[in-house]
Amino acid sequence: MGGDGPAASGTVGASPTGPATDGPDRCPDSGVRIRALGTEAAMGLRALGVELINCGTAAYPVHGYPSLRLFDGDGAAIPVQVVEGAKGITSGFDDPPRPLILQPGERAGAALLWRNLVTDSTVVATNGERLEVAPAAGQPPQAVELDGPIDLGNTGRVGVSAWKKVTVPAPTPTPPAPETPEPTRSAPLL
């Protein structure tokens, strides 16, 4: 899912693009790098942050939702319904997309949200072992490193938030360490 269109549901699919052959510090030809920020899990609700970094030399426009493709451990595509926002998963996650312009070095973030929920004992639970994310539908995807599987249970549904600009606070200066006074010598008492 992604782009400027109205919010809608879609299906993730297609074959994986294969492992990246470039080093992790090389900026892709697209001028942006996408990475996972880690998964948070609580009571069956999972959230995975993703970050888009403008590592290029020109401004990069972003609008809409990340596009996702999920694969099992054998590299086979997992059909997943991607919901823009979190309708049917949880509430408070549905801020609409806003047009962004990322200058070189600036970042945007989005989140994936799902429940590890088994609703039908006749349907096998799904674990996504590999994830590819594109800035929007139709743009080149990038494999992102996961810190664990995307364990969908058998819901087959992932919510995704719109990209939002990440503001990095100015670094807080570290105060200088206190000076250590020289040890004093005591004179023996007579």
N, C-alpha and C. Protein backbone atom coordinates (compact mmCIF):
# COMPACT_ATOMS: atom_id res chain seq x y z
N MET A 1 0.85 -1.17 0.00
CA MET A 1 0.00 0.00 0.00
C MET A 1 0.88 1.23 0.00
N GLY A 2 0.39 2.32 -0.42
CA GLY A 2 1.14 3.54 -0.36
C GLY A 2 0.62 4.53 -1.38
N GLY A 3 1.26 5.69 -1.42
CA GLY A 3 0.93 6.67 -2.41
C GLY A 3 -0.05 7.70 -1.90
N ASP A 4 -0.64 8.42 -2.88
CA ASP A 4 -1.48 9.55 -2.55
C ASP A 4 -2.96 9.22 -2.55
N GLY A 5 -3.34 8.02 -2.90
CA GLY A 5 -4.75 7.68 -3.02
C GLY A 5 -5.44 7.56 -1.69
N PRO A 6 -6.75 7.34 -1.74
CA PRO A 6 -7.51 7.19 -0.51
C PRO A 6 -7.13 5.92 0.20
N ALA A 7 -7.36 5.89 1.49
CA ALA A 7 -7.04 4.70 2.28
C ALA A 7 -7.86 3.53 1.78
N ALA A 8 -7.20 2.40 1.62
CA ALA A 8 -7.87 1.19 1.16
C ALA A 8 -7.06 0.00 1.62
N SER A 9 -7.65 -1.16 1.52
CA SER A 9 -6.95 -2.37 1.88
C SER A 9 -6.36 -2.97 0.63
N GLY A 10 -5.30 -3.76 0.80
CA GLY A 10 -4.67 -4.41 -0.34
C GLY A 10 -4.09 -5.72 0.10
N THR A 11 -3.44 -6.40 -0.83
CA THR A 11 -2.83 -7.67 -0.53
C THR A 11 -1.35 -7.59 -0.83
N VAL A 12 -0.54 -8.10 0.09
CA VAL A 12 0.89 -8.16 -0.09
C VAL A 12 1.20 -9.40 -0.89
N GLY A 13 2.16 -9.32 -1.79
CA GLY A 13 2.54 -10.51 -2.55
C GLY A 13 3.77 -10.26 -3.37
N ALA A 14 4.02 -11.07 -4.37
CA ALA A 14 5.16 -11.01 -5.29
C ALA A 14 6.35 -11.75 -4.73
N SER A 15 7.35 -11.91 -5.56
CA SER A 15 8.52 -12.66 -5.13
C SER A 15 9.54 -11.72 -4.52
N PRO A 16 10.39 -12.23 -3.63
CA PRO A 16 11.38 -11.36 -2.99
C PRO A 16 12.41 -10.89 -4.00
N THR A 17 12.99 -9.72 -3.74
CA THR A 17 13.98 -9.16 -4.65
C THR A 17 15.36 -9.75 -4.41
N GLY A 18 15.54 -10.53 -3.37
CA GLY A 18 16.84 -11.12 -3.08
C GLY A 18 17.62 -10.26 -2.12
N PRO A 19 18.70 -10.82 -1.57
CA PRO A 19 19.47 -10.08 -0.59
C PRO A 19 20.21 -8.92 -1.22
N ALA A 20 20.41 -7.89 -0.44
CA ALA A 20 21.16 -6.73 -0.91
C ALA A 20 22.62 -7.10 -1.08
N THR A 21 23.22 -6.64 -2.16
CA THR A 21 24.63 -6.95 -2.39
C THR A 21 25.51 -5.77 -2.03
N ASP A 22 24.91 -4.64 -1.74
CA ASP A 22 25.68 -3.47 -1.36
C ASP A 22 25.89 -3.46 0.14
N GLY A 23 26.93 -2.74 0.57
CA GLY A 23 27.20 -2.63 1.99
C GLY A 23 26.10 -1.84 2.68
N PRO A 24 25.98 -1.99 4.00
CA PRO A 24 24.91 -1.32 4.74
C PRO A 24 25.04 0.20 4.75
N ASP A 25 26.24 0.73 4.49
CA ASP A 25 26.44 2.17 4.54
C ASP A 25 26.23 2.84 3.19
N ARG A 26 26.05 2.07 2.13
CA ARG A 26 25.85 2.64 0.80
C ARG A 26 24.40 3.11 0.68
N CYS A 27 24.24 4.31 0.16
CA CYS A 27 22.90 4.85 -0.06
C CYS A 27 22.35 4.23 -1.35
N PRO A 28 21.16 3.64 -1.31
CA PRO A 28 20.57 3.07 -2.53
C PRO A 28 20.38 4.15 -3.60
N ASP A 29 20.26 3.71 -4.84
CA ASP A 29 20.06 4.64 -5.96
C ASP A 29 18.83 5.51 -5.77
N SER A 30 17.84 5.03 -5.03
CA SER A 30 16.62 5.81 -4.79
C SER A 30 16.88 7.04 -3.93
N GLY A 31 18.01 7.06 -3.21
CA GLY A 31 18.32 8.18 -2.33
C GLY A 31 17.75 8.04 -0.93
N VAL A 32 17.08 6.91 -0.65
CA VAL A 32 16.55 6.68 0.69
C VAL A 32 16.89 5.26 1.14
N ARG A 33 17.07 5.11 2.44
CA ARG A 33 17.32 3.81 3.05
C ARG A 33 16.20 3.56 4.05
N ILE A 34 15.72 2.32 4.08
CA ILE A 34 14.64 1.95 5.01
C ILE A 34 15.18 0.89 5.95
N ARG A 35 14.88 1.05 7.24
CA ARG A 35 15.32 0.06 8.22
C ARG A 35 14.24 -0.13 9.29
N ALA A 36 14.28 -1.31 9.90
CA ALA A 36 13.36 -1.61 11.01
C ALA A 36 13.98 -1.08 12.29
N LEU A 37 13.14 -0.63 13.20
CA LEU A 37 13.61 -0.08 14.47
C LEU A 37 13.37 -1.02 15.65
N GLY A 38 12.77 -2.16 15.42
CA GLY A 38 12.53 -3.11 16.50
C GLY A 38 11.05 -3.29 16.76
N THR A 39 10.75 -4.44 17.36
CA THR A 39 9.37 -4.83 17.62
C THR A 39 9.05 -4.69 19.10
N GLU A 40 7.88 -4.17 19.39
CA GLU A 40 7.34 -4.13 20.75
C GLU A 40 6.14 -5.06 20.78
N ALA A 41 6.03 -5.84 21.83
CA ALA A 41 4.91 -6.79 21.93
C ALA A 41 4.30 -6.72 23.32
N ALA A 42 2.99 -6.73 23.35
CA ALA A 42 2.28 -6.74 24.63
C ALA A 42 0.91 -7.36 24.42
N MET A 43 0.60 -8.38 25.20
CA MET A 43 -0.72 -9.01 25.22
C MET A 43 -1.25 -9.33 23.82
N GLY A 44 -0.39 -9.82 22.94
CA GLY A 44 -0.83 -10.23 21.61
C GLY A 44 -0.80 -9.13 20.57
N LEU A 45 -0.63 -7.86 20.97
CA LEU A 45 -0.55 -6.76 20.03
C LEU A 45 0.92 -6.47 19.75
N ARG A 46 1.29 -6.44 18.48
CA ARG A 46 2.68 -6.23 18.09
C ARG A 46 2.80 -4.92 17.31
N ALA A 47 3.93 -4.24 17.46
CA ALA A 47 4.22 -3.03 16.71
C ALA A 47 5.68 -3.05 16.27
N LEU A 48 5.91 -2.73 15.02
CA LEU A 48 7.26 -2.67 14.46
C LEU A 48 7.45 -1.30 13.85
N GLY A 49 8.44 -0.56 14.33
CA GLY A 49 8.75 0.74 13.75
C GLY A 49 9.64 0.57 12.53
N VAL A 50 9.39 1.38 11.50
CA VAL A 50 10.27 1.43 10.34
C VAL A 50 10.64 2.89 10.10
N GLU A 51 11.83 3.09 9.58
CA GLU A 51 12.35 4.44 9.38
C GLU A 51 12.85 4.58 7.95
N LEU A 52 12.51 5.68 7.33
CA LEU A 52 12.97 6.03 5.99
C LEU A 52 13.94 7.19 6.16
N ILE A 53 15.17 7.03 5.70
CA ILE A 53 16.21 8.04 5.87
C ILE A 53 16.59 8.59 4.50
N ASN A 54 16.56 9.89 4.33
CA ASN A 54 17.03 10.49 3.09
C ASN A 54 18.56 10.53 3.17
N CYS A 55 19.20 9.55 2.54
CA CYS A 55 20.66 9.47 2.54
C CYS A 55 21.23 10.04 1.24
N GLY A 56 20.36 10.60 0.40
CA GLY A 56 20.80 11.17 -0.87
C GLY A 56 21.22 12.61 -0.72
N THR A 57 21.32 13.29 -1.86
CA THR A 57 21.79 14.68 -1.87
C THR A 57 20.69 15.67 -2.24
N ALA A 58 19.49 15.17 -2.53
CA ALA A 58 18.38 16.04 -2.93
C ALA A 58 17.19 15.83 -1.99
N ALA A 59 16.29 16.80 -1.99
CA ALA A 59 15.06 16.66 -1.21
C ALA A 59 14.28 15.46 -1.74
N TYR A 60 13.57 14.77 -0.84
CA TYR A 60 12.82 13.56 -1.21
C TYR A 60 11.38 13.71 -0.73
N PRO A 61 10.41 13.75 -1.66
CA PRO A 61 9.01 13.87 -1.24
C PRO A 61 8.46 12.52 -0.77
N VAL A 62 7.69 12.56 0.31
CA VAL A 62 7.06 11.36 0.86
C VAL A 62 5.60 11.70 1.15
N HIS A 63 4.70 10.82 0.74
CA HIS A 63 3.29 11.03 1.06
C HIS A 63 2.59 9.68 1.04
N GLY A 64 1.87 9.41 2.07
CA GLY A 64 1.09 8.18 2.08
C GLY A 64 1.64 7.14 3.04
N TYR A 65 1.56 5.90 2.60
CA TYR A 65 1.86 4.76 3.45
C TYR A 65 2.97 3.92 2.85
N PRO A 66 3.78 3.28 3.69
CA PRO A 66 4.76 2.33 3.16
C PRO A 66 4.04 1.18 2.44
N SER A 67 4.71 0.62 1.46
CA SER A 67 4.22 -0.57 0.77
C SER A 67 4.98 -1.76 1.34
N LEU A 68 4.27 -2.85 1.64
CA LEU A 68 4.86 -3.99 2.34
C LEU A 68 4.77 -5.26 1.53
N ARG A 69 5.79 -6.12 1.68
CA ARG A 69 5.75 -7.49 1.17
C ARG A 69 6.34 -8.37 2.26
N LEU A 70 5.65 -9.45 2.57
CA LEU A 70 6.03 -10.35 3.65
C LEU A 70 6.29 -11.74 3.08
N PHE A 71 7.34 -12.41 3.59
CA PHE A 71 7.76 -13.71 3.08
C PHE A 71 8.00 -14.68 4.23
N ASP A 72 7.77 -15.96 3.96
CA ASP A 72 8.04 -16.99 4.97
C ASP A 72 9.53 -17.35 4.95
N GLY A 73 9.92 -18.31 5.78
CA GLY A 73 11.32 -18.72 5.90
C GLY A 73 11.89 -19.30 4.62
N ASP A 74 11.05 -19.79 3.72
CA ASP A 74 11.51 -20.35 2.44
C ASP A 74 11.53 -19.30 1.33
N GLY A 75 11.14 -18.07 1.64
CA GLY A 75 11.13 -17.01 0.63
C GLY A 75 9.84 -16.91 -0.15
N ALA A 76 8.83 -17.70 0.22
CA ALA A 76 7.53 -17.64 -0.47
C ALA A 76 6.72 -16.46 0.07
N ALA A 77 6.06 -15.76 -0.84
CA ALA A 77 5.24 -14.62 -0.45
C ALA A 77 4.09 -15.09 0.43
N ILE A 78 3.79 -14.31 1.45
CA ILE A 78 2.66 -14.59 2.34
C ILE A 78 1.56 -13.60 1.97
N PRO A 79 0.40 -14.09 1.55
CA PRO A 79 -0.69 -13.14 1.25
C PRO A 79 -1.20 -12.53 2.54
N VAL A 80 -1.13 -11.21 2.61
CA VAL A 80 -1.52 -10.49 3.82
C VAL A 80 -2.36 -9.30 3.40
N GLN A 81 -3.44 -9.07 4.12
CA GLN A 81 -4.24 -7.87 3.90
C GLN A 81 -3.56 -6.73 4.66
N VAL A 82 -3.16 -5.69 3.93
CA VAL A 82 -2.55 -4.52 4.56
C VAL A 82 -3.62 -3.46 4.70
N VAL A 83 -3.83 -3.01 5.93
CA VAL A 83 -4.85 -2.02 6.25
C VAL A 83 -4.15 -0.71 6.52
N GLU A 84 -4.51 0.34 5.79
CA GLU A 84 -3.93 1.65 6.06
C GLU A 84 -4.58 2.18 7.33
N GLY A 85 -3.80 2.27 8.38
CA GLY A 85 -4.30 2.56 9.70
C GLY A 85 -4.41 1.24 10.45
N ALA A 86 -5.31 1.16 11.38
CA ALA A 86 -5.41 -0.05 12.20
C ALA A 86 -6.84 -0.50 12.41
N LYS A 87 -7.72 -0.16 11.49
CA LYS A 87 -9.12 -0.54 11.63
C LYS A 87 -9.22 -2.05 11.80
N GLY A 88 -9.90 -2.47 12.83
CA GLY A 88 -10.07 -3.89 13.10
C GLY A 88 -8.92 -4.50 13.88
N ILE A 89 -7.87 -3.71 14.15
CA ILE A 89 -6.73 -4.23 14.92
C ILE A 89 -6.68 -3.53 16.28
N THR A 90 -6.70 -2.21 16.28
CA THR A 90 -6.73 -1.41 17.50
C THR A 90 -7.14 0.01 17.12
N SER A 91 -7.27 0.89 18.10
CA SER A 91 -7.66 2.27 17.82
C SER A 91 -6.50 3.22 18.11
N GLY A 92 -6.63 4.48 17.67
CA GLY A 92 -5.63 5.49 17.96
C GLY A 92 -4.39 5.42 17.08
N PHE A 93 -4.53 4.87 15.88
CA PHE A 93 -3.37 4.62 15.02
C PHE A 93 -3.60 5.18 13.63
N ASP A 94 -4.68 5.91 13.44
CA ASP A 94 -5.16 6.22 12.10
C ASP A 94 -4.97 7.66 11.65
N ASP A 95 -3.90 8.34 12.05
CA ASP A 95 -3.67 9.69 11.57
C ASP A 95 -3.53 9.65 10.05
N PRO A 96 -4.18 10.57 9.34
CA PRO A 96 -4.10 10.56 7.87
C PRO A 96 -2.70 10.97 7.39
N PRO A 97 -2.36 10.56 6.16
CA PRO A 97 -1.05 10.94 5.63
C PRO A 97 -1.00 12.43 5.32
N ARG A 98 0.19 12.99 5.43
CA ARG A 98 0.43 14.39 5.07
C ARG A 98 1.65 14.43 4.15
N PRO A 99 1.64 15.34 3.18
CA PRO A 99 2.82 15.43 2.31
C PRO A 99 4.04 15.88 3.11
N LEU A 100 5.15 15.23 2.89
CA LEU A 100 6.41 15.56 3.57
C LEU A 100 7.49 15.79 2.53
N ILE A 101 8.43 16.64 2.86
CA ILE A 101 9.64 16.79 2.06
C ILE A 101 10.80 16.53 3.02
N LEU A 102 11.56 15.47 2.74
CA LEU A 102 12.72 15.15 3.57
C LEU A 102 13.96 15.72 2.92
N GLN A 103 14.63 16.61 3.62
CA GLN A 103 15.91 17.12 3.15
C GLN A 103 16.98 16.06 3.43
N PRO A 104 18.13 16.14 2.76
CA PRO A 104 19.19 15.16 3.04
C PRO A 104 19.46 15.05 4.54
N GLY A 105 19.49 13.81 5.02
CA GLY A 105 19.73 13.54 6.44
C GLY A 105 18.46 13.47 7.28
N GLU A 106 17.33 13.94 6.76
CA GLU A 106 16.09 13.89 7.52
C GLU A 106 15.44 12.52 7.42
N ARG A 107 14.51 12.25 8.34
CA ARG A 107 13.91 10.93 8.46
C ARG A 107 12.39 11.02 8.57
N ALA A 108 11.75 9.92 8.16
CA ALA A 108 10.32 9.74 8.38
C ALA A 108 10.14 8.37 9.01
N GLY A 109 9.12 8.23 9.82
CA GLY A 109 8.86 6.95 10.47
C GLY A 109 7.43 6.51 10.23
N ALA A 110 7.24 5.20 10.28
CA ALA A 110 5.91 4.60 10.19
C ALA A 110 5.93 3.37 11.10
N ALA A 111 4.78 2.80 11.32
CA ALA A 111 4.70 1.62 12.18
C ALA A 111 3.79 0.58 11.56
N LEU A 112 4.16 -0.66 11.76
CA LEU A 112 3.31 -1.80 11.40
C LEU A 112 2.70 -2.30 12.68
N LEU A 113 1.46 -2.72 12.62
CA LEU A 113 0.74 -3.17 13.80
C LEU A 113 -0.03 -4.43 13.45
N TRP A 114 0.07 -5.45 14.30
CA TRP A 114 -0.67 -6.69 14.07
C TRP A 114 -0.93 -7.38 15.39
N ARG A 115 -1.83 -8.34 15.35
CA ARG A 115 -2.12 -9.16 16.52
C ARG A 115 -1.72 -10.59 16.24
N ASN A 116 -1.07 -11.21 17.20
CA ASN A 116 -0.79 -12.65 17.13
C ASN A 116 -2.04 -13.32 17.67
N LEU A 117 -2.96 -13.59 16.77
CA LEU A 117 -4.28 -14.05 17.16
C LEU A 117 -4.69 -15.23 16.28
N VAL A 118 -5.11 -16.31 16.90
CA VAL A 118 -5.63 -17.46 16.16
C VAL A 118 -7.14 -17.45 16.33
N THR A 119 -7.84 -17.25 15.21
CA THR A 119 -9.30 -17.16 15.24
C THR A 119 -9.98 -18.38 14.63
N ASP A 120 -9.19 -19.22 13.96
CA ASP A 120 -9.75 -20.39 13.29
C ASP A 120 -8.75 -21.53 13.41
N SER A 121 -9.10 -22.56 14.17
CA SER A 121 -8.16 -23.66 14.42
C SER A 121 -7.88 -24.49 13.17
N THR A 122 -8.63 -24.28 12.09
CA THR A 122 -8.39 -25.04 10.86
C THR A 122 -7.42 -24.32 9.92
N VAL A 123 -7.04 -23.09 10.27
CA VAL A 123 -6.11 -22.30 9.45
C VAL A 123 -4.77 -22.23 10.17
N VAL A 124 -3.71 -22.57 9.45
CA VAL A 124 -2.36 -22.57 10.03
C VAL A 124 -1.93 -21.14 10.34
N ALA A 125 -1.32 -20.96 11.51
CA ALA A 125 -0.79 -19.65 11.90
C ALA A 125 0.38 -19.29 11.00
N THR A 126 0.55 -18.00 10.75
CA THR A 126 1.56 -17.50 9.82
C THR A 126 2.66 -16.76 10.55
N ASN A 127 3.90 -17.05 10.16
CA ASN A 127 5.06 -16.30 10.65
C ASN A 127 5.79 -15.71 9.45
N GLY A 128 5.87 -14.39 9.39
CA GLY A 128 6.67 -13.73 8.37
C GLY A 128 8.10 -13.64 8.86
N GLU A 129 9.03 -14.18 8.09
CA GLU A 129 10.44 -14.19 8.47
C GLU A 129 11.23 -13.09 7.76
N ARG A 130 10.66 -12.56 6.69
CA ARG A 130 11.36 -11.55 5.90
C ARG A 130 10.35 -10.49 5.48
N LEU A 131 10.78 -9.23 5.54
CA LEU A 131 9.91 -8.11 5.22
C LEU A 131 10.62 -7.19 4.24
N GLU A 132 9.90 -6.77 3.22
CA GLU A 132 10.38 -5.74 2.32
C GLU A 132 9.44 -4.55 2.42
N VAL A 133 10.03 -3.35 2.43
CA VAL A 133 9.26 -2.12 2.57
C VAL A 133 9.69 -1.17 1.46
N ALA A 134 8.73 -0.54 0.81
CA ALA A 134 8.99 0.51 -0.17
C ALA A 134 8.37 1.80 0.36
N PRO A 135 8.93 2.96 -0.02
CA PRO A 135 8.35 4.22 0.44
C PRO A 135 6.88 4.37 0.08
N ALA A 136 6.48 3.81 -1.07
CA ALA A 136 5.09 3.84 -1.52
C ALA A 136 4.93 2.76 -2.59
N ALA A 137 3.70 2.45 -2.92
CA ALA A 137 3.43 1.46 -3.96
C ALA A 137 4.10 1.88 -5.26
N GLY A 138 4.69 0.91 -5.96
CA GLY A 138 5.34 1.18 -7.23
C GLY A 138 6.78 1.62 -7.12
N GLN A 139 7.28 1.84 -5.91
CA GLN A 139 8.67 2.22 -5.72
C GLN A 139 9.47 1.00 -5.32
N PRO A 140 10.80 1.02 -5.54
CA PRO A 140 11.60 -0.17 -5.23
C PRO A 140 11.57 -0.51 -3.74
N PRO A 141 11.30 -1.80 -3.41
CA PRO A 141 11.31 -2.21 -2.00
C PRO A 141 12.73 -2.47 -1.51
N GLN A 142 12.89 -2.41 -0.21
CA GLN A 142 14.16 -2.74 0.43
C GLN A 142 13.88 -3.77 1.52
N ALA A 143 14.74 -4.78 1.61
CA ALA A 143 14.63 -5.76 2.69
C ALA A 143 15.05 -5.07 3.98
N VAL A 144 14.27 -5.28 5.04
CA VAL A 144 14.62 -4.73 6.35
C VAL A 144 14.87 -5.89 7.30
N GLU A 145 15.85 -5.71 8.16
CA GLU A 145 16.22 -6.76 9.10
C GLU A 145 15.23 -6.77 10.27
N LEU A 146 14.65 -7.93 10.52
CA LEU A 146 13.69 -8.08 11.62
C LEU A 146 14.39 -8.61 12.86
N ASP A 147 13.90 -8.25 14.04
CA ASP A 147 14.44 -8.79 15.28
C ASP A 147 13.64 -10.00 15.77
N GLY A 148 12.72 -10.45 14.97
CA GLY A 148 11.89 -11.62 15.27
C GLY A 148 10.85 -11.73 14.19
N PRO A 149 10.09 -12.82 14.18
CA PRO A 149 9.11 -13.00 13.11
C PRO A 149 7.92 -12.05 13.27
N ILE A 150 7.25 -11.82 12.17
CA ILE A 150 5.96 -11.13 12.19
C ILE A 150 4.93 -12.24 12.32
N ASP A 151 4.54 -12.49 13.56
CA ASP A 151 3.70 -13.64 13.92
C ASP A 151 2.23 -13.24 13.89
N LEU A 152 1.62 -13.41 12.73
CA LEU A 152 0.25 -12.94 12.50
C LEU A 152 -0.83 -13.84 13.07
N GLY A 153 -0.46 -14.99 13.65
CA GLY A 153 -1.50 -15.95 13.99
C GLY A 153 -2.13 -16.39 12.68
N ASN A 154 -3.45 -16.37 12.59
CA ASN A 154 -4.05 -16.66 11.28
C ASN A 154 -5.00 -15.54 10.84
N THR A 155 -4.76 -14.34 11.35
CA THR A 155 -5.60 -13.20 10.95
C THR A 155 -5.29 -12.75 9.53
N GLY A 156 -4.02 -12.89 9.10
CA GLY A 156 -3.64 -12.46 7.77
C GLY A 156 -3.76 -10.97 7.55
N ARG A 157 -3.60 -10.18 8.63
CA ARG A 157 -3.84 -8.74 8.53
C ARG A 157 -2.75 -7.97 9.26
N VAL A 158 -2.25 -6.91 8.61
CA VAL A 158 -1.26 -6.00 9.18
C VAL A 158 -1.76 -4.58 8.97
N GLY A 159 -1.71 -3.77 10.01
CA GLY A 159 -2.02 -2.35 9.88
C GLY A 159 -0.73 -1.58 9.66
N VAL A 160 -0.78 -0.49 8.92
CA VAL A 160 0.40 0.33 8.70
C VAL A 160 0.00 1.79 8.84
N SER A 161 0.83 2.55 9.54
CA SER A 161 0.56 3.98 9.70
C SER A 161 1.15 4.75 8.52
N ALA A 162 0.67 5.96 8.35
CA ALA A 162 1.24 6.85 7.34
C ALA A 162 2.64 7.29 7.79
N TRP A 163 3.47 7.64 6.81
CA TRP A 163 4.79 8.19 7.13
C TRP A 163 4.61 9.50 7.88
N LYS A 164 5.42 9.72 8.90
CA LYS A 164 5.44 10.97 9.66
C LYS A 164 6.90 11.41 9.78
N LYS A 165 7.12 12.71 9.68
CA LYS A 165 8.47 13.23 9.81
C LYS A 165 8.97 13.01 11.23
N VAL A 166 10.20 12.56 11.34
CA VAL A 166 10.83 12.33 12.65
C VAL A 166 11.68 13.56 12.95
N THR A 167 11.39 14.19 14.06
CA THR A 167 12.21 15.32 14.48
C THR A 167 13.19 14.83 15.52
N VAL A 168 14.43 15.04 15.23
CA VAL A 168 15.49 14.60 16.13
C VAL A 168 15.85 15.79 17.01
N PRO A 169 15.73 15.64 18.33
CA PRO A 169 16.07 16.75 19.21
C PRO A 169 17.56 17.06 19.14
N ALA A 170 17.87 18.31 19.39
CA ALA A 170 19.28 18.70 19.43
C ALA A 170 19.98 17.92 20.53
N PRO A 171 21.23 17.55 20.29
CA PRO A 171 21.93 16.78 21.32
C PRO A 171 22.09 17.60 22.59
N THR A 172 21.94 16.94 23.70
CA THR A 172 22.12 17.58 24.99
C THR A 172 23.60 17.56 25.33
N PRO A 173 24.17 18.73 25.60
CA PRO A 173 25.59 18.73 25.93
C PRO A 173 25.85 17.96 27.22
N THR A 174 26.93 17.25 27.23
CA THR A 174 27.32 16.51 28.42
C THR A 174 28.09 17.45 29.34
N PRO A 175 27.64 17.60 30.58
CA PRO A 175 28.36 18.50 31.48
C PRO A 175 29.75 17.94 31.77
N PRO A 176 30.71 18.83 31.96
CA PRO A 176 32.06 18.33 32.27
C PRO A 176 32.06 17.60 33.60
N ALA A 177 32.94 16.64 33.68
CA ALA A 177 33.08 15.89 34.93
C ALA A 177 33.64 16.81 36.00
N PRO A 178 33.20 16.65 37.24
CA PRO A 178 33.74 17.51 38.30
C PRO A 178 35.23 17.23 38.47
N GLU A 179 35.92 18.32 38.76
CA GLU A 179 37.35 18.15 38.98
C GLU A 179 37.58 17.41 40.29
N THR A 180 38.54 16.53 40.24
CA THR A 180 38.87 15.77 41.44
C THR A 180 39.96 16.54 42.18
N PRO A 181 39.69 16.94 43.43
CA PRO A 181 40.73 17.68 44.15
C PRO A 181 41.90 16.75 44.47
N GLU A 182 43.06 17.39 44.51
CA GLU A 182 44.24 16.59 44.86
C GLU A 182 44.10 16.12 46.30
N PRO A 183 44.56 14.90 46.55
CA PRO A 183 44.47 14.42 47.93
C PRO A 183 45.32 15.29 48.85
N THR A 184 44.82 15.52 50.03
CA THR A 184 45.58 16.30 51.00
C THR A 184 46.31 15.35 51.92
N ARG A 185 47.45 15.82 52.35
CA ARG A 185 48.23 15.01 53.29
C ARG A 185 47.95 15.54 54.69
N SER A 186 47.70 14.64 55.54
CA SER A 186 47.49 15.07 56.92
C SER A 186 48.80 14.93 57.69
N ALA A 187 49.01 15.88 58.57
CA ALA A 187 50.22 15.85 59.40
C ALA A 187 49.94 14.99 60.62
N PRO A 188 50.91 14.23 61.04
CA PRO A 188 50.70 13.39 62.23
C PRO A 188 50.44 14.26 63.46
N LEU A 189 49.58 13.82 64.29
CA LEU A 189 49.29 14.52 65.54
C LEU A 189 50.38 14.18 66.55
N LEU A 190 50.82 15.17 67.30
CA LEU A 190 51.83 14.94 68.31
C LEU A 190 51.27 14.89 69.66
